[in-house]
Amino acid sequence: PLLNALAAASIPIITQFDPQGLSNTFWSCAEIGFAHLPLREAISAASIARISEFEAQGIANTAWALSTLEGCDGPLLHALAAQARDVA
């Protein structure tokens, strides 16, 4: 119940998170196995919108979270790959 409440409270304000906040939130969910689809979709959309601001660590954390939660989010994966090439 607590994690669902936190997710519900986060979704409306997720666009206010900076890239580190987005990647850390996604990483934290993956670390504890919290696969909340609406939150994952909100983080994905917000991350894609700000992908040019992501640094290497945020890219790595977000990619790891996606793979750990067994997410198949093609648009986010493509955005991460493109940003990884630009950061490298």
PDB file of N, CA and C in Angstrom:
ATOM      1  N   PRO A   1       0.811  -1.217   0.000  1.00  0.00           N
ATOM      2  CA  PRO A   1       0.000   0.000   0.000  1.00  0.00           C
ATOM      3  C   PRO A   1       0.852   1.279   0.000  1.00  0.00           C
ATOM      4  N   LEU A   2       1.949   1.291   0.765  1.00  0.00           N
ATOM      5  CA  LEU A   2       2.772   2.488   0.833  1.00  0.00           C
ATOM      6  C   LEU A   2       3.435   2.773  -0.508  1.00  0.00           C
ATOM      7  N   LEU A   3       4.011   1.770  -1.139  1.00  0.00           N
ATOM      8  CA  LEU A   3       4.673   1.989  -2.421  1.00  0.00           C
ATOM      9  C   LEU A   3       3.687   2.440  -3.490  1.00  0.00           C
ATOM     10  N   ASN A   4       2.498   1.872  -3.486  1.00  0.00           N
ATOM     11  CA  ASN A   4       1.486   2.291  -4.447  1.00  0.00           C
ATOM     12  C   ASN A   4       1.079   3.737  -4.209  1.00  0.00           C
ATOM     13  N   ALA A   5       0.980   4.148  -2.943  1.00  0.00           N
ATOM     14  CA  ALA A   5       0.640   5.532  -2.618  1.00  0.00           C
ATOM     15  C   ALA A   5       1.752   6.477  -3.049  1.00  0.00           C
ATOM     16  N   LEU A   6       2.998   6.080  -2.830  1.00  0.00           N
ATOM     17  CA  LEU A   6       4.126   6.907  -3.271  1.00  0.00           C
ATOM     18  C   LEU A   6       4.148   7.039  -4.790  1.00  0.00           C
ATOM     19  N   ALA A   7       3.892   5.947  -5.479  1.00  0.00           N
ATOM     20  CA  ALA A   7       3.858   5.973  -6.936  1.00  0.00           C
ATOM     21  C   ALA A   7       2.745   6.896  -7.423  1.00  0.00           C
ATOM     22  N   ALA A   8       1.567   6.768  -6.833  1.00  0.00           N
ATOM     23  CA  ALA A   8       0.437   7.602  -7.238  1.00  0.00           C
ATOM     24  C   ALA A   8       0.712   9.083  -6.993  1.00  0.00           C
ATOM     25  N   ALA A   9       1.398   9.385  -5.918  1.00  0.00           N
ATOM     26  CA  ALA A   9       1.729  10.779  -5.620  1.00  0.00           C
ATOM     27  C   ALA A   9       2.824  11.306  -6.542  1.00  0.00           C
ATOM     28  N   SER A  10       3.699  10.431  -7.014  1.00  0.00           N
ATOM     29  CA  SER A  10       4.820  10.835  -7.859  1.00  0.00           C
ATOM     30  C   SER A  10       4.412  11.102  -9.305  1.00  0.00           C
ATOM     31  N   ILE A  11       3.470  10.337  -9.798  1.00  0.00           N
ATOM     32  CA  ILE A  11       3.111  10.427 -11.219  1.00  0.00           C
ATOM     33  C   ILE A  11       2.728  11.847 -11.645  1.00  0.00           C
ATOM     34  N   PRO A  12       1.877  12.554 -10.904  1.00  0.00           N
ATOM     35  CA  PRO A  12       1.492  13.898 -11.372  1.00  0.00           C
ATOM     36  C   PRO A  12       2.627  14.922 -11.365  1.00  0.00           C
ATOM     37  N   ILE A  13       3.674  14.668 -10.605  1.00  0.00           N
ATOM     38  CA  ILE A  13       4.770  15.640 -10.502  1.00  0.00           C
ATOM     39  C   ILE A  13       6.071  15.130 -11.121  1.00  0.00           C
ATOM     40  N   ILE A  14       6.017  13.997 -11.796  1.00  0.00           N
ATOM     41  CA  ILE A  14       7.242  13.374 -12.301  1.00  0.00           C
ATOM     42  C   ILE A  14       7.977  14.267 -13.297  1.00  0.00           C
ATOM     43  N   THR A  15       7.261  15.126 -14.002  1.00  0.00           N
ATOM     44  CA  THR A  15       7.922  16.004 -14.966  1.00  0.00           C
ATOM     45  C   THR A  15       8.766  17.073 -14.270  1.00  0.00           C
ATOM     46  N   GLN A  16       8.607  17.231 -12.978  1.00  0.00           N
ATOM     47  CA  GLN A  16       9.410  18.184 -12.217  1.00  0.00           C
ATOM     48  C   GLN A  16      10.734  17.574 -11.752  1.00  0.00           C
ATOM     49  N   PHE A  17      10.877  16.260 -11.886  1.00  0.00           N
ATOM     50  CA  PHE A  17      12.107  15.583 -11.487  1.00  0.00           C
ATOM     51  C   PHE A  17      13.211  15.924 -12.481  1.00  0.00           C
ATOM     52  N   ASP A  18      14.418  16.131 -11.977  1.00  0.00           N
ATOM     53  CA  ASP A  18      15.549  16.317 -12.878  1.00  0.00           C
ATOM     54  C   ASP A  18      15.999  14.930 -13.365  1.00  0.00           C
ATOM     55  N   PRO A  19      16.905  14.877 -14.346  1.00  0.00           N
ATOM     56  CA  PRO A  19      17.323  13.575 -14.860  1.00  0.00           C
ATOM     57  C   PRO A  19      17.851  12.624 -13.771  1.00  0.00           C
ATOM     58  N   GLN A  20      18.601  13.144 -12.826  1.00  0.00           N
ATOM     59  CA  GLN A  20      19.099  12.278 -11.764  1.00  0.00           C
ATOM     60  C   GLN A  20      17.949  11.743 -10.925  1.00  0.00           C
ATOM     61  N   GLY A  21      16.968  12.582 -10.642  1.00  0.00           N
ATOM     62  CA  GLY A  21      15.803  12.133  -9.877  1.00  0.00           C
ATOM     63  C   GLY A  21      15.013  11.070 -10.620  1.00  0.00           C
ATOM     64  N   LEU A  22      14.889  11.230 -11.925  1.00  0.00           N
ATOM     65  CA  LEU A  22      14.179  10.226 -12.723  1.00  0.00           C
ATOM     66  C   LEU A  22      14.919   8.896 -12.706  1.00  0.00           C
ATOM     67  N   SER A  23      16.222   8.942 -12.969  1.00  0.00           N
ATOM     68  CA  SER A  23      16.979   7.686 -13.012  1.00  0.00           C
ATOM     69  C   SER A  23      17.068   7.048 -11.631  1.00  0.00           C
ATOM     70  N   ASN A  24      17.227   7.853 -10.596  1.00  0.00           N
ATOM     71  CA  ASN A  24      17.288   7.295  -9.235  1.00  0.00           C
ATOM     72  C   ASN A  24      15.963   6.673  -8.820  1.00  0.00           C
ATOM     73  N   THR A  25      14.864   7.300  -9.196  1.00  0.00           N
ATOM     74  CA  THR A  25      13.552   6.736  -8.866  1.00  0.00           C
ATOM     75  C   THR A  25      13.350   5.411  -9.575  1.00  0.00           C
ATOM     76  N   PHE A  26      13.696   5.380 -10.854  1.00  0.00           N
ATOM     77  CA  PHE A  26      13.552   4.146 -11.633  1.00  0.00           C
ATOM     78  C   PHE A  26      14.467   3.057 -11.078  1.00  0.00           C
ATOM     79  N   TRP A  27      15.703   3.434 -10.760  1.00  0.00           N
ATOM     80  CA  TRP A  27      16.661   2.485 -10.188  1.00  0.00           C
ATOM     81  C   TRP A  27      16.140   1.932  -8.865  1.00  0.00           C
ATOM     82  N   SER A  28      15.610   2.798  -8.016  1.00  0.00           N
ATOM     83  CA  SER A  28      15.097   2.373  -6.708  1.00  0.00           C
ATOM     84  C   SER A  28      13.955   1.375  -6.865  1.00  0.00           C
ATOM     85  N   CYS A  29      13.064   1.659  -7.802  1.00  0.00           N
ATOM     86  CA  CYS A  29      11.958   0.718  -8.045  1.00  0.00           C
ATOM     87  C   CYS A  29      12.493  -0.643  -8.467  1.00  0.00           C
ATOM     88  N   ALA A  30      13.474  -0.629  -9.367  1.00  0.00           N
ATOM     89  CA  ALA A  30      14.053  -1.894  -9.832  1.00  0.00           C
ATOM     90  C   ALA A  30      14.778  -2.617  -8.709  1.00  0.00           C
ATOM     91  N   GLU A  31      15.491  -1.863  -7.890  1.00  0.00           N
ATOM     92  CA  GLU A  31      16.259  -2.463  -6.793  1.00  0.00           C
ATOM     93  C   GLU A  31      15.372  -3.260  -5.839  1.00  0.00           C
ATOM     94  N   ILE A  32      14.152  -2.772  -5.602  1.00  0.00           N
ATOM     95  CA  ILE A  32      13.247  -3.478  -4.684  1.00  0.00           C
ATOM     96  C   ILE A  32      12.194  -4.310  -5.410  1.00  0.00           C
ATOM     97  N   GLY A  33      12.281  -4.346  -6.744  1.00  0.00           N
ATOM     98  CA  GLY A  33      11.356  -5.167  -7.525  1.00  0.00           C
ATOM     99  C   GLY A  33       9.952  -4.599  -7.619  1.00  0.00           C
ATOM    100  N   PHE A  34       9.830  -3.287  -7.561  1.00  0.00           N
ATOM    101  CA  PHE A  34       8.527  -2.624  -7.620  1.00  0.00           C
ATOM    102  C   PHE A  34       8.221  -2.254  -9.070  1.00  0.00           C
ATOM    103  N   ALA A  35       7.468  -3.104  -9.738  1.00  0.00           N
ATOM    104  CA  ALA A  35       7.166  -2.920 -11.164  1.00  0.00           C
ATOM    105  C   ALA A  35       5.782  -2.291 -11.322  1.00  0.00           C
ATOM    106  N   HIS A  36       5.676  -1.030 -11.014  1.00  0.00           N
ATOM    107  CA  HIS A  36       4.416  -0.283 -11.101  1.00  0.00           C
ATOM    108  C   HIS A  36       4.324   0.323 -12.497  1.00  0.00           C
ATOM    109  N   LEU A  37       3.497  -0.249 -13.356  1.00  0.00           N
ATOM    110  CA  LEU A  37       3.462   0.144 -14.766  1.00  0.00           C
ATOM    111  C   LEU A  37       3.137   1.623 -14.979  1.00  0.00           C
ATOM    112  N   PRO A  38       2.126   2.199 -14.321  1.00  0.00           N
ATOM    113  CA  PRO A  38       1.867   3.628 -14.554  1.00  0.00           C
ATOM    114  C   PRO A  38       3.050   4.525 -14.168  1.00  0.00           C
ATOM    115  N   LEU A  39       3.730   4.197 -13.095  1.00  0.00           N
ATOM    116  CA  LEU A  39       4.901   4.977 -12.697  1.00  0.00           C
ATOM    117  C   LEU A  39       6.017   4.779 -13.716  1.00  0.00           C
ATOM    118  N   ARG A  40       6.227   3.551 -14.147  1.00  0.00           N
ATOM    119  CA  ARG A  40       7.266   3.270 -15.139  1.00  0.00           C
ATOM    120  C   ARG A  40       6.994   4.037 -16.432  1.00  0.00           C
ATOM    121  N   GLU A  41       5.742   4.083 -16.855  1.00  0.00           N
ATOM    122  CA  GLU A  41       5.396   4.812 -18.072  1.00  0.00           C
ATOM    123  C   GLU A  41       5.620   6.315 -17.896  1.00  0.00           C
ATOM    124  N   ALA A  42       5.296   6.835 -16.719  1.00  0.00           N
ATOM    125  CA  ALA A  42       5.501   8.270 -16.453  1.00  0.00           C
ATOM    126  C   ALA A  42       6.986   8.607 -16.428  1.00  0.00           C
ATOM    127  N   ILE A  43       7.781   7.765 -15.778  1.00  0.00           N
ATOM    128  CA  ILE A  43       9.229   7.985 -15.746  1.00  0.00           C
ATOM    129  C   ILE A  43       9.798   7.914 -17.160  1.00  0.00           C
ATOM    130  N   SER A  44       9.336   6.961 -17.933  1.00  0.00           N
ATOM    131  CA  SER A  44       9.813   6.810 -19.303  1.00  0.00           C
ATOM    132  C   SER A  44       9.521   8.059 -20.126  1.00  0.00           C
ATOM    133  N   ALA A  45       8.297   8.535 -20.080  1.00  0.00           N
ATOM    134  CA  ALA A  45       7.919   9.719 -20.861  1.00  0.00           C
ATOM    135  C   ALA A  45       8.726  10.940 -20.424  1.00  0.00           C
ATOM    136  N   ALA A  46       8.879  11.119 -19.121  1.00  0.00           N
ATOM    137  CA  ALA A  46       9.636  12.269 -18.613  1.00  0.00           C
ATOM    138  C   ALA A  46      11.112  12.146 -18.974  1.00  0.00           C
ATOM    139  N   SER A  47      11.632  10.934 -18.946  1.00  0.00           N
ATOM    140  CA  SER A  47      13.043  10.716 -19.290  1.00  0.00           C
ATOM    141  C   SER A  47      13.300  11.002 -20.758  1.00  0.00           C
ATOM    142  N   ILE A  48      12.413  10.550 -21.615  1.00  0.00           N
ATOM    143  CA  ILE A  48      12.578  10.801 -23.046  1.00  0.00           C
ATOM    144  C   ILE A  48      12.556  12.304 -23.313  1.00  0.00           C
ATOM    145  N   ALA A  49      11.675  13.015 -22.637  1.00  0.00           N
ATOM    146  CA  ALA A  49      11.573  14.463 -22.838  1.00  0.00           C
ATOM    147  C   ALA A  49      12.841  15.200 -22.421  1.00  0.00           C
ATOM    148  N   ARG A  50      13.591  14.627 -21.470  1.00  0.00           N
ATOM    149  CA  ARG A  50      14.790  15.306 -20.957  1.00  0.00           C
ATOM    150  C   ARG A  50      16.070  14.535 -21.259  1.00  0.00           C
ATOM    151  N   ILE A  51      16.008  13.616 -22.209  1.00  0.00           N
ATOM    152  CA  ILE A  51      17.136  12.709 -22.436  1.00  0.00           C
ATOM    153  C   ILE A  51      18.435  13.444 -22.727  1.00  0.00           C
ATOM    154  N   SER A  52      18.375  14.593 -23.355  1.00  0.00           N
ATOM    155  CA  SER A  52      19.616  15.308 -23.681  1.00  0.00           C
ATOM    156  C   SER A  52      20.331  15.828 -22.436  1.00  0.00           C
ATOM    157  N   GLU A  53      19.661  15.811 -21.298  1.00  0.00           N
ATOM    158  CA  GLU A  53      20.255  16.255 -20.040  1.00  0.00           C
ATOM    159  C   GLU A  53      20.866  15.102 -19.236  1.00  0.00           C
ATOM    160  N   PHE A  54      20.650  13.875 -19.675  1.00  0.00           N
ATOM    161  CA  PHE A  54      21.139  12.715 -18.932  1.00  0.00           C
ATOM    162  C   PHE A  54      22.649  12.580 -19.093  1.00  0.00           C
ATOM    163  N   GLU A  55      23.310  12.283 -17.985  1.00  0.00           N
ATOM    164  CA  GLU A  55      24.740  11.988 -17.997  1.00  0.00           C
ATOM    165  C   GLU A  55      24.917  10.481 -17.980  1.00  0.00           C
ATOM    166  N   ALA A  56      26.146  10.039 -18.093  1.00  0.00           N
ATOM    167  CA  ALA A  56      26.441   8.609 -18.219  1.00  0.00           C
ATOM    168  C   ALA A  56      25.832   7.775 -17.089  1.00  0.00           C
ATOM    169  N   GLN A  57      25.950   8.238 -15.855  1.00  0.00           N
ATOM    170  CA  GLN A  57      25.434   7.452 -14.734  1.00  0.00           C
ATOM    171  C   GLN A  57      23.917   7.305 -14.806  1.00  0.00           C
ATOM    172  N   GLY A  58      23.234   8.365 -15.171  1.00  0.00           N
ATOM    173  CA  GLY A  58      21.776   8.304 -15.307  1.00  0.00           C
ATOM    174  C   GLY A  58      21.347   7.375 -16.425  1.00  0.00           C
ATOM    175  N   ILE A  59      22.094   7.395 -17.517  1.00  0.00           N
ATOM    176  CA  ILE A  59      21.806   6.481 -18.624  1.00  0.00           C
ATOM    177  C   ILE A  59      21.968   5.037 -18.161  1.00  0.00           C
ATOM    178  N   ALA A  60      23.076   4.762 -17.488  1.00  0.00           N
ATOM    179  CA  ALA A  60      23.351   3.401 -17.012  1.00  0.00           C
ATOM    180  C   ALA A  60      22.292   2.942 -16.005  1.00  0.00           C
ATOM    181  N   ASN A  61      21.949   3.808 -15.057  1.00  0.00           N
ATOM    182  CA  ASN A  61      20.954   3.436 -14.038  1.00  0.00           C
ATOM    183  C   ASN A  61      19.596   3.155 -14.669  1.00  0.00           C
ATOM    184  N   THR A  62      19.221   3.987 -15.628  1.00  0.00           N
ATOM    185  CA  THR A  62      17.922   3.820 -16.271  1.00  0.00           C
ATOM    186  C   THR A  62      17.898   2.543 -17.113  1.00  0.00           C
ATOM    187  N   ALA A  63      18.957   2.295 -17.847  1.00  0.00           N
ATOM    188  CA  ALA A  63      19.028   1.068 -18.648  1.00  0.00           C
ATOM    189  C   ALA A  63      19.008  -0.165 -17.747  1.00  0.00           C
ATOM    190  N   TRP A  64      19.736  -0.105 -16.639  1.00  0.00           N
ATOM    191  CA  TRP A  64      19.751  -1.234 -15.706  1.00  0.00           C
ATOM    192  C   TRP A  64      18.357  -1.466 -15.134  1.00  0.00           C
ATOM    193  N   ALA A  65      17.674  -0.392 -14.762  1.00  0.00           N
ATOM    194  CA  ALA A  65      16.322  -0.529 -14.209  1.00  0.00           C
ATOM    195  C   ALA A  65      15.379  -1.162 -15.223  1.00  0.00           C
ATOM    196  N   LEU A  66      15.467  -0.718 -16.469  1.00  0.00           N
ATOM    197  CA  LEU A  66      14.621  -1.304 -17.511  1.00  0.00           C
ATOM    198  C   LEU A  66      14.865  -2.795 -17.647  1.00  0.00           C
ATOM    199  N   SER A  67      16.116  -3.185 -17.686  1.00  0.00           N
ATOM    200  CA  SER A  67      16.414  -4.606 -17.859  1.00  0.00           C
ATOM    201  C   SER A  67      16.042  -5.411 -16.624  1.00  0.00           C
ATOM    202  N   THR A  68      16.231  -4.831 -15.454  1.00  0.00           N
ATOM    203  CA  THR A  68      15.915  -5.537 -14.213  1.00  0.00           C
ATOM    204  C   THR A  68      14.415  -5.748 -14.064  1.00  0.00           C
ATOM    205  N   LEU A  69      13.637  -4.754 -14.443  1.00  0.00           N
ATOM    206  CA  LEU A  69      12.183  -4.867 -14.358  1.00  0.00           C
ATOM    207  C   LEU A  69      11.595  -5.552 -15.591  1.00  0.00           C
ATOM    208  N   GLU A  70      12.481  -6.044 -16.450  1.00  0.00           N
ATOM    209  CA  GLU A  70      12.085  -6.753 -17.663  1.00  0.00           C
ATOM    210  C   GLU A  70      11.142  -5.917 -18.500  1.00  0.00           C
ATOM    211  N   GLY A  71      11.463  -4.634 -18.574  1.00  0.00           N
ATOM    212  CA  GLY A  71      10.645  -3.733 -19.369  1.00  0.00           C
ATOM    213  C   GLY A  71      11.092  -3.721 -20.809  1.00  0.00           C
ATOM    214  N   CYS A  72      10.149  -3.680 -21.678  1.00  0.00           N
ATOM    215  CA  CYS A  72      10.448  -3.574 -23.098  1.00  0.00           C
ATOM    216  C   CYS A  72       9.896  -2.233 -23.568  1.00  0.00           C
ATOM    217  N   ASP A  73      10.681  -1.212 -23.367  1.00  0.00           N
ATOM    218  CA  ASP A  73      10.267   0.145 -23.712  1.00  0.00           C
ATOM    219  C   ASP A  73      11.171   0.628 -24.835  1.00  0.00           C
ATOM    220  N   GLY A  74      10.785   0.302 -26.059  1.00  0.00           N
ATOM    221  CA  GLY A  74      11.600   0.631 -27.217  1.00  0.00           C
ATOM    222  C   GLY A  74      11.970   2.096 -27.330  1.00  0.00           C
ATOM    223  N   PRO A  75      10.999   3.022 -27.202  1.00  0.00           N
ATOM    224  CA  PRO A  75      11.349   4.435 -27.326  1.00  0.00           C
ATOM    225  C   PRO A  75      12.376   4.897 -26.281  1.00  0.00           C
ATOM    226  N   LEU A  76      12.233   4.440 -25.054  1.00  0.00           N
ATOM    227  CA  LEU A  76      13.195   4.831 -24.025  1.00  0.00           C
ATOM    228  C   LEU A  76      14.557   4.201 -24.299  1.00  0.00           C
ATOM    229  N   LEU A  77      14.587   2.947 -24.694  1.00  0.00           N
ATOM    230  CA  LEU A  77      15.858   2.300 -25.012  1.00  0.00           C
ATOM    231  C   LEU A  77      16.580   3.007 -26.155  1.00  0.00           C
ATOM    232  N   HIS A  78      15.843   3.391 -27.175  1.00  0.00           N
ATOM    233  CA  HIS A  78      16.452   4.106 -28.303  1.00  0.00           C
ATOM    234  C   HIS A  78      16.980   5.467 -27.861  1.00  0.00           C
ATOM    235  N   ALA A  79      16.208   6.161 -27.028  1.00  0.00           N
ATOM    236  CA  ALA A  79      16.657   7.467 -26.522  1.00  0.00           C
ATOM    237  C   ALA A  79      17.913   7.321 -25.671  1.00  0.00           C
ATOM    238  N   LEU A  80      17.951   6.297 -24.817  1.00  0.00           N
ATOM    239  CA  LEU A  80      19.130   6.058 -23.982  1.00  0.00           C
ATOM    240  C   LEU A  80      20.356   5.747 -24.841  1.00  0.00           C
ATOM    241  N   ALA A  81      20.149   4.907 -25.861  1.00  0.00           N
ATOM    242  CA  ALA A  81      21.274   4.545 -26.743  1.00  0.00           C
ATOM    243  C   ALA A  81      21.813   5.764 -27.478  1.00  0.00           C
ATOM    244  N   ALA A  82      20.917   6.590 -27.976  1.00  0.00           N
ATOM    245  CA  ALA A  82      21.361   7.795 -28.688  1.00  0.00           C
ATOM    246  C   ALA A  82      22.102   8.740 -27.760  1.00  0.00           C
ATOM    247  N   GLN A  83      21.588   8.918 -26.545  1.00  0.00           N
ATOM    248  CA  GLN A  83      22.252   9.806 -25.598  1.00  0.00           C
ATOM    249  C   GLN A  83      23.586   9.218 -25.153  1.00  0.00           C
ATOM    250  N   ALA A  84      23.668   7.917 -25.015  1.00  0.00           N
ATOM    251  CA  ALA A  84      24.928   7.272 -24.638  1.00  0.00           C
ATOM    252  C   ALA A  84      26.002   7.552 -25.691  1.00  0.00           C
ATOM    253  N   ARG A  85      25.615   7.524 -26.963  1.00  0.00           N
ATOM    254  CA  ARG A  85      26.574   7.825 -28.025  1.00  0.00           C
ATOM    255  C   ARG A  85      27.034   9.287 -27.925  1.00  0.00           C
ATOM    256  N   ASP A  86      26.115  10.171 -27.587  1.00  0.00           N
ATOM    257  CA  ASP A  86      26.458  11.595 -27.494  1.00  0.00           C
ATOM    258  C   ASP A  86      27.324  11.901 -26.281  1.00  0.00           C
ATOM    259  N   VAL A  87      27.114  11.179 -25.204  1.00  0.00           N
ATOM    260  CA  VAL A  87      27.867  11.414 -23.964  1.00  0.00           C
ATOM    261  C   VAL A  87      29.279  10.841 -24.076  1.00  0.00           C
ATOM    262  N   ALA A  88      29.391   9.730 -24.798  1.00  0.00           N
ATOM    263  CA  ALA A  88      30.676   9.038 -24.891  1.00  0.00           C
ATOM    264  C   ALA A  88      31.729   9.830 -25.603  1.00  0.00           C
TER     265      ALA A  88
END
